Amino acid sequence: MLPDEPQGLSRRSLLTGAGALGVGVGVVAAAPGAVLVRQAGAEEASPPATAPGQAAQPDAVAGYQSLGIEEAAIVEALVAHMWPADDLSPDGVALGIAVFIDRQLAGAYGQGDRLYLSGPFRQGKPEHGYQLACTPEACLKAGLRHLAEISDRRHAAPPDRLTADQLEALLHDISETPPEPGAFDLKAWFNELFYPLFVRGAFADPIYGGNRDKQAWRMIGYPGLPATYTTDMVTWRGRRHPASDTPMSIQDFS
């Protein structure tokens, strides 16, 4: 279940609520602002990056540029659960959300291309911006590892082997429960890193790997490019745009 659902929104209504014409979502441009590891009484926050001397990241799965086998399995399980197949669209994996996340991790965003990563990394407020020594790719993978550990402790199985009810309960817990002092902050990880990537993967231009065949745009009535459609936002707000049956993407203008 997604973080906003307790307010009375269903999973699909939350996603469609991105709004006809209000969805101009591109590639991820910013990293999460929260510190993902909390230390009681410590001035600096320990990053969840791989420390020197630890094993290297697993080789990427065929078709993925960053995610290893176990990582890809967890990401696919999450996005398929968070975006289930129905009469409006295929599930999140078939829609390409996992591919989008993988490509973002492998690209400039995931590698921290525009982030200051030299420290000092002190406990700060969200508005202070990125406060971690690790790249977004390393942070997301660290979260996947911690999620797998919790799943194994609770159910003796990784997240991709859980039932729908078990995975739903697990997502509820990590998205709502503050971390213990010194523990990895899975709440911040899910709400500020994984979930934003998930949403962008659903609604970004298909050239970035998600929103395959522009199916999410069609679902919410978004016409895609050109950007001049933004002048119609007032007229068509909350309604399907007449051009949304054949939305235009970047590749259509290439």
Protein backbone atom coordinates (compact mmCIF):
# COMPACT_ATOMS: atom_id res chain seq x y z
CA MET A 1 0.00 0.00 0.00
CA LEU A 2 1.29 3.44 -0.85
CA PRO A 3 1.97 6.12 1.78
CA ASP A 4 -1.01 8.32 0.94
CA GLU A 5 -3.57 5.53 0.94
CA PRO A 6 -4.70 5.93 4.58
CA GLN A 7 -6.23 9.26 3.55
CA GLY A 8 -8.91 7.38 1.63
CA LEU A 9 -7.29 7.05 -1.78
CA SER A 10 -7.02 3.75 -3.57
CA ARG A 11 -3.71 2.76 -5.12
CA ARG A 12 -4.89 3.38 -8.66
CA SER A 13 -6.78 6.59 -7.86
CA LEU A 14 -3.61 7.93 -6.26
CA LEU A 15 -1.66 7.28 -9.43
CA THR A 16 -4.30 8.60 -11.77
CA GLY A 17 -4.51 11.61 -9.49
CA ALA A 18 -1.23 12.74 -10.99
CA GLY A 19 -3.79 14.44 -13.18
CA ALA A 20 -4.70 14.73 -16.79
CA LEU A 21 -2.20 17.23 -18.18
CA GLY A 22 -0.49 17.65 -14.80
CA VAL A 23 1.99 14.90 -15.31
CA GLY A 24 4.95 16.40 -17.14
CA VAL A 25 7.35 14.03 -15.41
CA GLY A 26 10.85 13.68 -16.78
CA VAL A 27 13.95 11.98 -15.52
CA VAL A 28 14.73 12.24 -11.83
CA ALA A 29 16.57 15.47 -11.19
CA ALA A 30 17.12 15.52 -7.45
CA ALA A 31 18.21 13.13 -4.75
CA PRO A 32 16.33 12.51 -1.50
CA GLY A 33 16.94 15.02 1.24
CA ALA A 34 16.62 12.80 4.28
CA VAL A 35 19.53 11.18 6.06
CA LEU A 36 18.93 7.45 5.77
CA VAL A 37 20.95 6.29 8.76
CA ARG A 38 20.16 7.79 12.17
CA GLN A 39 22.74 7.88 14.95
CA ALA A 40 21.67 8.85 18.45
CA GLY A 41 23.88 11.65 19.76
CA ALA A 42 26.15 11.63 16.73
CA GLU A 43 26.93 14.76 14.75
CA GLU A 44 27.59 12.98 11.50
CA ALA A 45 25.41 10.39 9.81
CA SER A 46 26.93 7.16 8.59
CA PRO A 47 26.24 6.58 4.89
CA PRO A 48 24.69 3.32 3.74
CA ALA A 49 27.29 3.00 1.01
CA THR A 50 29.53 -0.01 0.51
CA ALA A 51 32.55 0.50 2.73
CA PRO A 52 36.11 -0.03 1.46
CA GLY A 53 37.01 -3.69 1.48
CA GLN A 54 33.45 -4.94 1.22
CA ALA A 55 32.32 -7.09 -1.69
CA ALA A 56 31.64 -5.26 -4.92
CA GLN A 57 28.11 -4.77 -6.20
CA PRO A 58 26.70 -7.85 -7.96
CA ASP A 59 26.82 -7.96 -11.72
CA ALA A 60 23.77 -6.53 -13.43
CA VAL A 61 21.11 -8.89 -14.73
CA ALA A 62 20.86 -9.24 -18.49
CA GLY A 63 18.63 -6.39 -19.65
CA TYR A 64 19.47 -4.29 -16.59
CA GLN A 65 22.39 -1.91 -16.33
CA SER A 66 22.70 -1.62 -12.54
CA LEU A 67 20.50 -4.09 -10.66
CA GLY A 68 21.85 -7.51 -9.71
CA ILE A 69 19.74 -10.68 -9.73
CA GLU A 70 18.36 -10.40 -6.18
CA GLU A 71 17.98 -6.62 -6.45
CA ALA A 72 16.07 -6.88 -9.71
CA ALA A 73 13.77 -9.53 -8.25
CA ILE A 74 12.88 -7.29 -5.30
CA VAL A 75 12.36 -4.19 -7.44
CA GLU A 76 10.15 -6.11 -9.85
CA ALA A 77 8.11 -7.55 -6.98
CA LEU A 78 7.60 -4.07 -5.51
CA VAL A 79 6.58 -2.31 -8.70
CA ALA A 80 4.28 -5.14 -9.77
CA HIS A 81 2.56 -4.99 -6.38
CA MET A 82 2.36 -1.20 -6.26
CA TRP A 83 1.06 -1.01 -9.84
CA PRO A 84 -1.05 -4.16 -10.34
CA ALA A 85 -2.39 -5.20 -13.71
CA ASP A 86 -6.03 -4.41 -14.41
CA ASP A 87 -8.28 -3.47 -17.30
CA LEU A 88 -6.55 -0.07 -17.57
CA SER A 89 -2.91 -1.12 -17.85
CA PRO A 90 -0.42 -3.97 -17.37
CA ASP A 91 1.49 -4.33 -14.11
CA GLY A 92 4.45 -2.16 -13.19
CA VAL A 93 7.04 -4.54 -14.58
CA ALA A 94 5.36 -4.78 -17.97
CA LEU A 95 4.91 -1.00 -17.92
CA GLY A 96 8.71 -0.66 -17.63
CA ILE A 97 8.93 0.93 -14.17
CA ALA A 98 11.69 -1.44 -13.05
CA VAL A 99 13.66 -0.66 -16.22
CA PHE A 100 13.26 3.06 -15.57
CA ILE A 101 14.56 2.70 -12.02
CA ASP A 102 17.51 0.62 -13.21
CA ARG A 103 18.46 3.13 -15.91
CA GLN A 104 18.27 6.01 -13.44
CA LEU A 105 20.59 4.16 -11.08
CA ALA A 106 23.05 3.41 -13.86
CA GLY A 107 22.97 6.96 -15.23
CA ALA A 108 24.14 10.36 -14.06
CA TYR A 109 21.43 10.64 -11.39
CA GLY A 110 22.27 7.31 -9.77
CA GLN A 111 25.99 7.99 -9.88
CA GLY A 112 25.60 11.32 -8.07
CA ASP A 113 26.81 13.34 -11.05
CA ARG A 114 25.71 16.69 -9.60
CA LEU A 115 25.88 15.87 -5.91
CA TYR A 116 28.50 17.02 -3.44
CA LEU A 117 29.78 13.80 -1.89
CA SER A 118 32.90 14.90 -0.03
CA GLY A 119 31.36 15.77 3.34
CA PRO A 120 31.24 16.52 6.17
CA PHE A 121 27.84 14.83 6.35
CA ARG A 122 26.05 16.10 9.43
CA GLN A 123 22.56 15.44 10.64
CA GLY A 124 20.43 18.10 9.00
CA LYS A 125 16.94 19.11 8.00
CA PRO A 126 15.27 17.97 4.77
CA GLU A 127 15.60 21.47 3.31
CA HIS A 128 19.37 21.21 3.66
CA GLY A 129 19.41 18.85 0.72
CA TYR A 130 21.35 15.67 0.15
CA GLN A 131 23.36 14.76 3.27
CA LEU A 132 24.87 11.39 2.39
CA ALA A 133 28.30 10.22 1.33
CA CYS A 134 26.82 7.59 -0.97
CA THR A 135 25.30 7.96 -4.41
CA PRO A 136 21.55 7.48 -4.99
CA GLU A 137 22.39 4.12 -6.58
CA ALA A 138 24.23 2.96 -3.45
CA CYS A 139 21.46 4.27 -1.19
CA LEU A 140 18.71 2.51 -3.11
CA LYS A 141 20.63 -0.76 -3.11
CA ALA A 142 21.33 -0.44 0.60
CA GLY A 143 17.60 -0.07 1.17
CA LEU A 144 16.89 -3.17 -0.87
CA ARG A 145 19.32 -5.12 1.29
CA HIS A 146 17.72 -3.91 4.53
CA LEU A 147 14.26 -4.64 3.16
CA ALA A 148 15.37 -8.18 2.30
CA GLU A 149 16.77 -8.65 5.81
CA ILE A 150 13.49 -7.58 7.43
CA SER A 151 11.52 -9.81 5.10
CA ASP A 152 13.75 -12.76 5.92
CA ARG A 153 13.41 -12.19 9.68
CA ARG A 154 9.63 -11.94 9.50
CA HIS A 155 8.77 -14.49 6.85
CA ALA A 156 11.95 -16.51 6.18
CA ALA A 157 11.67 -15.40 2.55
CA PRO A 158 12.82 -12.47 0.40
CA PRO A 159 10.30 -9.79 -0.61
CA ASP A 160 9.84 -11.29 -4.07
CA ARG A 161 8.64 -14.57 -2.51
CA LEU A 162 6.03 -13.02 -0.21
CA THR A 163 2.29 -13.26 -0.72
CA ALA A 164 0.46 -10.09 -1.74
CA ASP A 165 -0.85 -9.62 1.80
CA GLN A 166 2.59 -10.10 3.34
CA LEU A 167 4.20 -7.64 0.94
CA GLU A 168 1.40 -5.14 1.52
CA ALA A 169 1.94 -5.30 5.29
CA LEU A 170 5.69 -4.96 4.85
CA LEU A 171 5.30 -1.84 2.68
CA HIS A 172 2.89 -0.36 5.20
CA ASP A 173 5.41 -0.86 7.98
CA ILE A 174 8.46 0.55 6.23
CA SER A 175 6.60 3.56 4.83
CA GLU A 176 5.09 4.55 8.19
CA THR A 177 7.51 3.45 10.93
CA PRO A 178 10.33 5.80 12.04
CA PRO A 179 13.70 4.08 12.45
CA GLU A 180 15.29 3.08 15.71
CA PRO A 181 18.41 5.08 16.67
CA GLY A 182 21.33 3.85 14.58
CA ALA A 183 19.10 1.86 12.22
CA PHE A 184 18.75 2.35 8.50
CA ASP A 185 15.79 4.65 7.80
CA LEU A 186 13.61 2.53 5.52
CA LYS A 187 10.75 5.00 5.92
CA ALA A 188 12.81 7.78 4.33
CA TRP A 189 14.24 5.33 1.81
CA PHE A 190 10.80 4.27 0.60
CA ASN A 191 9.00 7.62 0.76
CA GLU A 192 11.80 9.85 -0.50
CA LEU A 193 13.79 7.65 -2.86
CA PHE A 194 12.04 4.51 -4.05
CA TYR A 195 8.48 5.80 -4.29
CA PRO A 196 9.37 8.98 -6.25
CA LEU A 197 11.37 6.85 -8.70
CA PHE A 198 8.37 4.52 -8.99
CA VAL A 199 5.98 7.36 -9.86
CA ARG A 200 8.38 8.93 -12.33
CA GLY A 201 8.94 5.55 -13.92
CA ALA A 202 5.23 5.24 -14.55
CA PHE A 203 4.69 8.69 -16.07
CA ALA A 204 8.00 9.81 -17.58
CA ASP A 205 8.51 9.92 -21.31
CA PRO A 206 8.94 6.34 -22.62
CA ILE A 207 12.41 7.18 -23.90
CA TYR A 208 13.63 6.73 -20.29
CA GLY A 209 12.42 3.13 -20.08
CA GLY A 210 9.11 3.40 -18.21
CA ASN A 211 5.58 4.24 -19.34
CA ARG A 212 6.00 1.63 -22.07
CA ASP A 213 3.98 2.37 -25.20
CA LYS A 214 2.71 5.51 -23.40
CA GLN A 215 0.12 3.39 -21.63
CA ALA A 216 0.14 5.45 -18.40
CA TRP A 217 -0.38 8.64 -20.37
CA ARG A 218 -3.37 7.13 -22.14
CA MET A 219 -4.76 5.91 -18.82
CA ILE A 220 -4.85 9.40 -17.29
CA GLY A 221 -5.69 11.28 -20.48
CA TYR A 222 -2.34 13.03 -20.92
CA PRO A 223 -1.42 14.09 -24.49
CA GLY A 224 2.35 14.05 -24.01
CA LEU A 225 4.51 16.38 -26.07
CA PRO A 226 4.68 19.06 -27.36
CA ALA A 227 4.98 21.15 -24.24
CA THR A 228 2.58 23.73 -25.67
CA TYR A 229 -0.22 21.46 -24.40
CA THR A 230 0.45 23.03 -21.01
CA THR A 231 -1.60 26.01 -22.21
CA ASP A 232 -4.62 23.67 -22.10
CA MET A 233 -4.17 22.80 -18.44
CA VAL A 234 -6.92 25.11 -17.21
CA THR A 235 -9.40 24.09 -19.90
CA TRP A 236 -8.84 20.35 -19.58
CA ARG A 237 -7.83 20.03 -15.92
CA GLY A 238 -9.32 16.83 -14.47
CA ARG A 239 -10.56 15.68 -17.87
CA ARG A 240 -9.14 13.57 -20.66
CA HIS A 241 -7.43 15.71 -23.27
CA PRO A 242 -8.76 15.05 -26.80
CA ALA A 243 -5.21 14.33 -28.03
CA SER A 244 -4.52 11.72 -25.33
CA ASP A 245 -5.65 8.74 -27.39
CA THR A 246 -2.51 9.24 -29.47
CA PRO A 247 -0.04 10.94 -27.10
CA MET A 248 3.27 12.14 -28.54
CA SER A 249 6.63 11.26 -26.98
CA ILE A 250 10.19 12.44 -27.56
CA GLN A 251 10.79 9.61 -30.02
CA ASP A 252 7.79 10.69 -32.08
CA PHE A 253 9.61 13.95 -32.81
CA SER A 254 13.03 12.37 -33.42
